[in-house]
Protein backbone atom coordinates (compact mmCIF):
# COMPACT_ATOMS: atom_id res chain seq x y z
CA MET A 1 27.63 189.97 133.39
CA SER A 2 28.49 187.60 136.40
CA LEU A 3 31.44 185.08 135.62
CA SER A 4 31.86 181.95 137.28
CA ALA A 5 35.56 179.40 137.21
CA VAL A 6 34.82 176.19 136.00
CA VAL A 7 37.07 172.87 136.17
CA ASP A 8 37.66 171.40 132.48
CA GLY A 9 40.18 169.02 133.40
CA VAL A 10 42.37 168.04 135.52
CA GLY A 11 45.79 165.79 134.83
CA SER A 12 48.85 164.50 136.76
CA TYR A 13 51.83 163.03 136.46
CA LEU A 14 54.25 161.01 139.19
CA PRO A 15 57.70 159.57 138.58
CA GLU A 16 58.93 156.51 137.36
CA LYS A 17 60.94 155.78 140.56
CA VAL A 18 58.32 153.69 143.21
CA LEU A 19 60.24 154.00 146.66
CA THR A 20 58.48 151.21 148.96
CA ASN A 21 58.79 151.43 153.55
CA ALA A 22 60.66 147.95 152.53
CA ASP A 23 63.38 150.01 150.08
CA LEU A 24 63.93 152.90 153.19
CA ALA A 25 64.07 150.00 155.57
CA LYS A 26 67.32 149.15 153.94
CA PHE A 27 69.28 152.70 155.17
CA VAL A 28 67.06 154.64 157.76
CA ASP A 29 65.60 152.91 161.14
CA THR A 30 61.94 151.83 160.07
CA SER A 31 59.29 149.39 159.51
CA ASP A 32 56.77 148.26 156.59
CA GLU A 33 54.73 148.51 160.16
CA TRP A 34 55.90 151.59 161.13
CA ILE A 35 55.21 153.76 158.27
CA THR A 36 52.40 151.96 157.50
CA GLU A 37 50.36 152.53 161.50
CA ARG A 38 51.51 155.92 161.78
CA THR A 39 50.92 157.34 158.44
CA GLY A 40 49.27 154.71 156.06
CA ILE A 41 52.06 155.22 153.51
CA ARG A 42 53.04 152.00 151.64
CA GLN A 43 54.92 153.94 149.06
CA ARG A 44 55.64 157.32 147.22
CA HIS A 45 57.72 158.44 143.91
CA GLN A 46 61.03 160.10 143.65
CA ALA A 47 61.72 161.92 141.03
CA ALA A 48 64.67 161.09 138.27
CA ASP A 49 68.05 162.83 138.41
CA GLY A 50 67.18 165.40 136.29
CA GLU A 51 64.11 165.67 136.73
CA TYR A 52 62.51 169.34 137.70
CA THR A 53 59.25 170.34 139.48
CA SER A 54 58.38 172.18 135.74
CA ASP A 55 58.97 168.95 134.28
CA LEU A 56 56.46 167.56 136.64
CA ALA A 57 54.65 170.38 136.09
CA VAL A 58 54.86 170.27 132.18
CA GLU A 59 53.61 166.68 131.89
CA ALA A 60 50.73 166.76 134.79
CA GLY A 61 49.53 170.23 132.96
CA ARG A 62 49.49 168.82 129.08
CA LYS A 63 47.18 166.01 130.30
CA ALA A 64 45.08 169.15 131.47
CA MET A 65 44.55 171.00 129.15
CA GLU A 66 44.43 167.48 127.24
CA HIS A 67 41.46 166.55 129.79
CA ALA A 68 39.70 169.89 129.03
CA GLY A 69 40.72 170.16 125.07
CA VAL A 70 42.13 172.83 124.69
CA THR A 71 45.54 174.29 123.63
CA ALA A 72 48.51 176.12 124.72
CA ALA A 73 47.09 179.41 122.55
CA ASP A 74 43.93 178.66 124.75
CA ILE A 75 45.81 179.37 128.60
CA ASP A 76 46.60 183.13 129.69
CA LEU A 77 47.13 181.96 133.18
CA VAL A 78 49.82 179.84 134.84
CA VAL A 79 49.58 179.19 138.50
CA VAL A 80 52.40 176.71 140.47
CA ALA A 81 51.39 175.82 143.94
CA THR A 82 55.49 174.70 145.02
CA ALA A 83 57.54 174.89 147.16
CA THR A 84 60.35 173.14 145.66
CA PRO A 85 61.08 175.31 143.08
CA ASP A 86 63.82 174.69 139.76
CA LEU A 87 65.24 177.97 140.66
CA THR A 88 65.42 180.69 142.84
CA PHE A 89 63.54 182.52 140.17
CA PRO A 90 62.11 182.63 138.41
CA ALA A 91 59.04 181.36 138.88
CA THR A 92 58.76 177.69 138.51
CA ALA A 93 55.54 178.95 136.37
CA ALA A 94 57.61 180.53 134.19
CA ILE A 95 59.64 177.60 133.31
CA THR A 96 56.61 175.77 132.58
CA GLN A 97 54.62 178.03 130.80
CA ALA A 98 57.91 178.49 128.35
CA LYS A 99 58.27 174.61 128.44
CA LEU A 100 54.39 174.57 127.34
CA GLY A 101 54.65 176.96 124.33
CA ILE A 102 52.53 178.67 126.06
CA LYS A 103 53.06 183.10 124.47
CA GLN A 104 50.33 184.80 126.71
CA GLY A 105 48.80 185.93 129.84
CA ALA A 106 50.85 185.79 133.15
CA ALA A 107 52.71 183.06 135.26
CA PHE A 108 53.79 183.02 138.92
CA ASP A 109 54.11 180.83 141.70
CA LEU A 110 52.37 180.63 144.94
CA GLN A 111 54.53 179.47 147.70
CA ALA A 112 51.46 178.00 150.44
CA VAL A 113 53.41 174.54 151.18
CA CYS A 114 50.75 171.56 151.71
CA THR A 115 47.78 174.33 151.02
CA GLY A 116 49.18 174.99 148.39
CA PHE A 117 47.27 174.23 146.06
CA VAL A 118 43.71 175.26 147.58
CA TYR A 119 45.56 178.64 147.82
CA ALA A 120 45.89 178.41 143.91
CA VAL A 121 42.66 177.92 143.18
CA SER A 122 40.73 180.75 144.84
CA THR A 123 43.56 182.55 143.69
CA ALA A 124 43.15 181.94 139.94
CA GLU A 125 38.71 181.83 140.73
CA LYS A 126 39.81 185.57 141.47
CA PHE A 127 41.74 186.26 137.93
CA LEU A 128 38.98 184.56 136.17
CA ILE A 129 35.41 186.16 137.51
CA THR A 130 36.95 189.51 137.42
CA GLY A 131 37.27 188.57 134.13
CA GLN A 132 41.03 189.43 133.67
CA HIS A 133 42.25 185.83 132.49
CA LYS A 134 39.44 183.63 130.64
CA ARG A 135 41.82 179.98 131.18
CA ALA A 136 44.33 179.95 133.43
CA LEU A 137 46.54 176.45 133.68
CA VAL A 138 46.84 175.63 137.98
CA ILE A 139 49.18 173.45 138.89
CA GLY A 140 50.67 171.94 142.26
CA ALA A 141 53.87 170.03 141.69
CA GLU A 142 57.14 168.86 144.33
CA THR A 143 60.31 167.45 144.26
CA PHE A 144 60.41 167.60 147.72
CA SER A 145 62.91 164.10 147.55
CA ARG A 146 65.68 166.72 147.49
CA ILE A 147 64.66 168.96 150.36
CA LEU A 148 64.29 165.78 153.03
CA ASP A 149 66.96 164.36 155.19
CA TRP A 150 66.98 161.25 154.53
CA LYS A 151 68.37 159.99 158.13
CA ASP A 152 65.56 161.09 159.93
CA ARG A 153 63.08 158.30 159.95
CA THR A 154 60.21 160.96 161.23
CA THR A 155 60.21 162.81 158.26
CA CYS A 156 61.43 161.32 155.48
CA VAL A 157 59.35 158.37 155.39
CA LEU A 158 56.34 160.85 154.97
CA PHE A 159 56.96 162.47 151.51
CA GLY A 160 57.30 161.86 147.66
CA ASP A 161 57.54 163.41 144.75
CA GLY A 162 54.58 164.47 141.49
CA ALA A 163 52.14 167.06 139.92
CA GLY A 164 48.82 167.38 139.09
CA ALA A 165 46.38 170.17 137.48
CA PHE A 166 43.31 171.96 136.71
CA VAL A 167 42.07 173.87 133.63
CA MET A 168 39.87 176.26 135.11
CA SER A 169 38.14 178.53 132.80
CA ALA A 170 35.85 181.75 132.55
CA VAL A 171 31.96 181.13 131.83
CA PRO A 172 29.04 183.24 132.29
CA GLU A 173 27.04 181.79 135.22
CA GLU A 174 24.21 180.97 132.55
CA GLU A 175 26.31 178.53 130.77
CA ALA A 176 27.49 176.68 134.03
CA GLY A 177 24.96 175.47 135.04
CA GLY A 178 25.88 175.68 139.17
CA ARG A 179 29.44 174.55 137.97
CA GLY A 180 32.64 176.46 139.76
CA ILE A 181 34.47 177.34 142.59
CA LEU A 182 31.26 177.62 144.74
CA SER A 183 33.51 179.43 147.70
CA SER A 184 37.35 179.25 149.42
CA HIS A 185 38.28 179.73 153.04
CA LEU A 186 42.05 180.57 153.33
CA ARG A 187 44.39 180.97 156.96
CA CYS A 188 47.67 180.86 157.98
CA ASP A 189 49.03 181.75 162.05
CA GLY A 190 52.97 182.48 161.33
CA SER A 191 53.68 182.26 165.08
CA MET A 192 53.33 178.30 164.54
CA VAL A 193 56.29 178.49 161.60
CA ASP A 194 58.17 176.38 163.70
CA LEU A 195 56.51 173.36 163.26
CA LEU A 196 57.27 172.57 160.01
CA TYR A 197 59.78 174.42 158.16
CA VAL A 198 62.93 174.43 156.10
CA ASP A 199 66.23 175.02 157.73
CA GLY A 200 67.80 176.82 154.66
CA GLY A 201 66.78 179.28 152.49
CA VAL A 202 68.36 182.37 150.03
CA SER A 203 68.66 185.18 152.91
CA MET A 204 68.96 182.94 156.42
CA THR A 205 71.77 180.07 155.08
CA GLN A 206 72.60 180.80 151.09
CA THR A 207 71.52 176.85 150.90
CA ALA A 208 68.18 174.71 149.86
CA GLY A 209 68.29 173.35 153.88
CA HIS A 210 66.13 169.91 154.60
CA LEU A 211 62.83 169.52 155.83
CA ARG A 212 62.00 170.09 160.04
CA MET A 213 58.77 169.27 161.23
CA GLN A 214 57.00 168.63 165.22
CA GLY A 215 55.32 166.42 163.99
CA ASN A 216 53.38 165.42 166.54
CA LYS A 217 51.85 168.82 167.44
CA VAL A 218 51.43 169.47 163.65
CA PHE A 219 49.10 166.55 163.77
CA ARG A 220 47.54 167.53 167.03
CA GLU A 221 46.31 171.44 164.93
CA ALA A 222 45.38 169.22 161.94
CA VAL A 223 42.17 167.92 162.75
CA ASN A 224 39.96 170.69 163.81
CA ARG A 225 42.33 173.68 162.00
CA ILE A 226 40.50 171.68 158.68
CA SER A 227 37.27 171.40 159.81
CA SER A 228 36.45 174.51 160.90
CA ALA A 229 37.88 176.27 157.01
CA MET A 230 35.81 173.24 155.31
CA ILE A 231 32.94 173.87 157.60
CA GLU A 232 33.38 177.92 157.03
CA ALA A 233 33.87 177.71 153.27
CA ALA A 234 30.53 175.58 153.00
CA LYS A 235 28.45 177.61 154.74
CA VAL A 236 30.01 180.87 152.32
CA ALA A 237 28.27 178.81 150.20
CA ASP A 238 24.86 178.20 151.85
CA ILE A 239 25.96 174.22 151.44
CA ASN A 240 25.81 171.88 154.55
CA PRO A 241 28.38 169.43 154.68
CA SER A 242 26.29 166.99 154.60
CA GLU A 243 25.52 167.71 150.47
CA ILE A 244 29.01 166.93 149.93
CA ASP A 245 29.28 164.24 147.42
CA VAL A 246 33.09 164.02 147.15
CA PHE A 247 35.64 165.14 149.56
CA VAL A 248 39.50 165.36 148.38
CA PRO A 249 41.76 165.99 151.62
CA HIS A 250 45.60 166.77 151.45
CA GLN A 251 46.80 163.56 151.48
CA ALA A 252 49.52 164.25 154.69
CA ASN A 253 48.53 161.50 157.15
CA GLN A 254 45.58 158.80 157.15
CA ARG A 255 44.58 158.98 160.73
CA ILE A 256 44.08 162.94 160.17
CA ILE A 257 42.26 162.53 157.23
CA ASP A 258 40.36 160.02 159.69
CA GLY A 259 39.66 162.49 162.53
CA VAL A 260 38.19 165.00 160.20
CA VAL A 261 35.66 162.12 158.85
CA ARG A 262 34.72 162.06 162.12
CA LYS A 263 34.65 165.13 163.46
CA LEU A 264 32.05 166.28 159.75
CA ASN A 265 30.45 163.03 160.06
CA ILE A 266 31.62 162.13 156.43
CA SER A 267 31.05 158.45 154.93
CA ASN A 268 34.35 157.43 154.43
CA GLU A 269 32.58 156.36 151.10
CA GLN A 270 32.86 160.18 149.96
CA VAL A 271 36.59 160.35 151.08
CA ILE A 272 39.29 160.38 148.30
CA SER A 273 42.20 158.79 150.04
CA THR A 274 45.79 157.78 147.71
CA ILE A 275 48.17 158.71 150.79
CA ALA A 276 48.81 154.77 150.59
CA HIS A 277 50.47 154.98 147.24
CA HIS A 278 51.75 158.47 146.81
CA GLY A 279 52.72 159.78 150.40
CA ASN A 280 52.33 163.11 151.25
CA THR A 281 53.21 165.21 147.84
CA SER A 282 52.77 168.85 149.47
CA ALA A 283 50.98 171.05 146.72
CA ALA A 284 50.44 167.97 144.51
CA SER A 285 48.91 165.84 147.24
CA ILE A 286 44.98 167.15 146.19
CA PRO A 287 45.26 167.87 142.33
CA LEU A 288 46.51 164.26 142.26
CA ALA A 289 43.92 162.60 144.27
CA PHE A 290 41.40 164.58 142.12
CA ASP A 291 42.73 163.27 138.95
CA GLU A 292 42.39 159.92 140.13
CA ALA A 293 39.09 159.96 141.39
CA VAL A 294 38.04 161.47 137.65
CA THR A 295 39.57 158.52 136.12
CA ASP A 296 38.12 155.48 138.04
CA GLY A 297 35.01 157.38 138.11
CA ARG A 298 35.00 157.98 141.71
CA ILE A 299 34.28 161.52 140.82
CA LYS A 300 31.08 162.67 138.06
CA ARG A 301 30.35 166.07 136.50
CA GLY A 302 28.29 167.85 138.72
CA ASP A 303 29.93 166.19 142.10
CA LEU A 304 29.51 168.68 144.70
CA VAL A 305 33.74 168.05 145.65
CA MET A 306 35.54 169.57 149.05
CA LEU A 307 39.54 170.38 148.70
CA GLU A 308 41.50 170.87 151.88
CA GLY A 309 44.40 171.24 152.11
CA MET A 310 47.08 172.11 155.76
CA GLY A 311 50.99 172.64 155.42
CA GLY A 312 53.81 175.24 156.95
CA GLY A 313 53.37 178.70 157.62
CA LEU A 314 50.97 177.05 159.33
CA THR A 315 48.42 177.48 156.57
CA TRP A 316 45.23 176.09 155.48
CA GLY A 317 42.11 176.38 153.84
CA ALA A 318 39.57 174.06 152.02
CA ALA A 319 38.19 174.89 148.66
CA LEU A 320 34.13 174.11 147.79
CA LEU A 321 33.29 173.57 144.02
CA ARG A 322 30.90 171.34 141.78
CA TYR A 323 32.88 169.88 138.77
């Protein structure tokens, strides 16, 4: 029996504290105009003291489970995409699993930075379609505010905290009715590590470190690599990119999103952009945007949706699904 990995529910969570561009201008040499013009970002959310990545993951996961109409007893796989775990170990997924009261199955973290959620969705799909697991909770969650250098105006203005989640279920193809993950295309080029990285780590410095980025170089790589991944994902599914109903990109920079839209001749009405009020939430950005679009009706059941991400590594990828 062939199985499809269907997205049954979505959810998201943003910390209460909002940090506007005007707030940032009070302690770093920047302005609302400077940030908005270069990135499209107007505000971002910041986790409170004592609020951890797992806490954000739990809230998003709980909402996705409620949306899917499932309980902790129904989940047998938890995958958390994050570059900002609670602890070096155990996995934030294990901590999240316990907080949600899930007592069966497997739980692990996946680290592909801003491409993390695309990697996680693709990974969970493989577990589900083999029949090894029945229902997965896939979460992207980040507290990037903990690794920012707040004196570096080129990076601290970009990132925010948040979490988003999918509940994915293994469903017989004949019952799925065409819904589910149709294809994914994942890539990495480790020779470009120095373009986007954190200058600390357990083995190398025994510190958490701070995010460092060569923004102009990342920007130059982004549009072509993202576009090619989307084209390949569509090709594997035997679908023309023009058939896509909705495009949910990683929310890194509005100019990157606009560049991909122009290159693939996608209508602006098809694009879900939340970067103005979320900033770049790394692995959380795609499910955050997806959930917002489901909530306000821009994404409807049966829609053909393309996801894409690009992040440190450099990693990049795309996934095509029928919601």
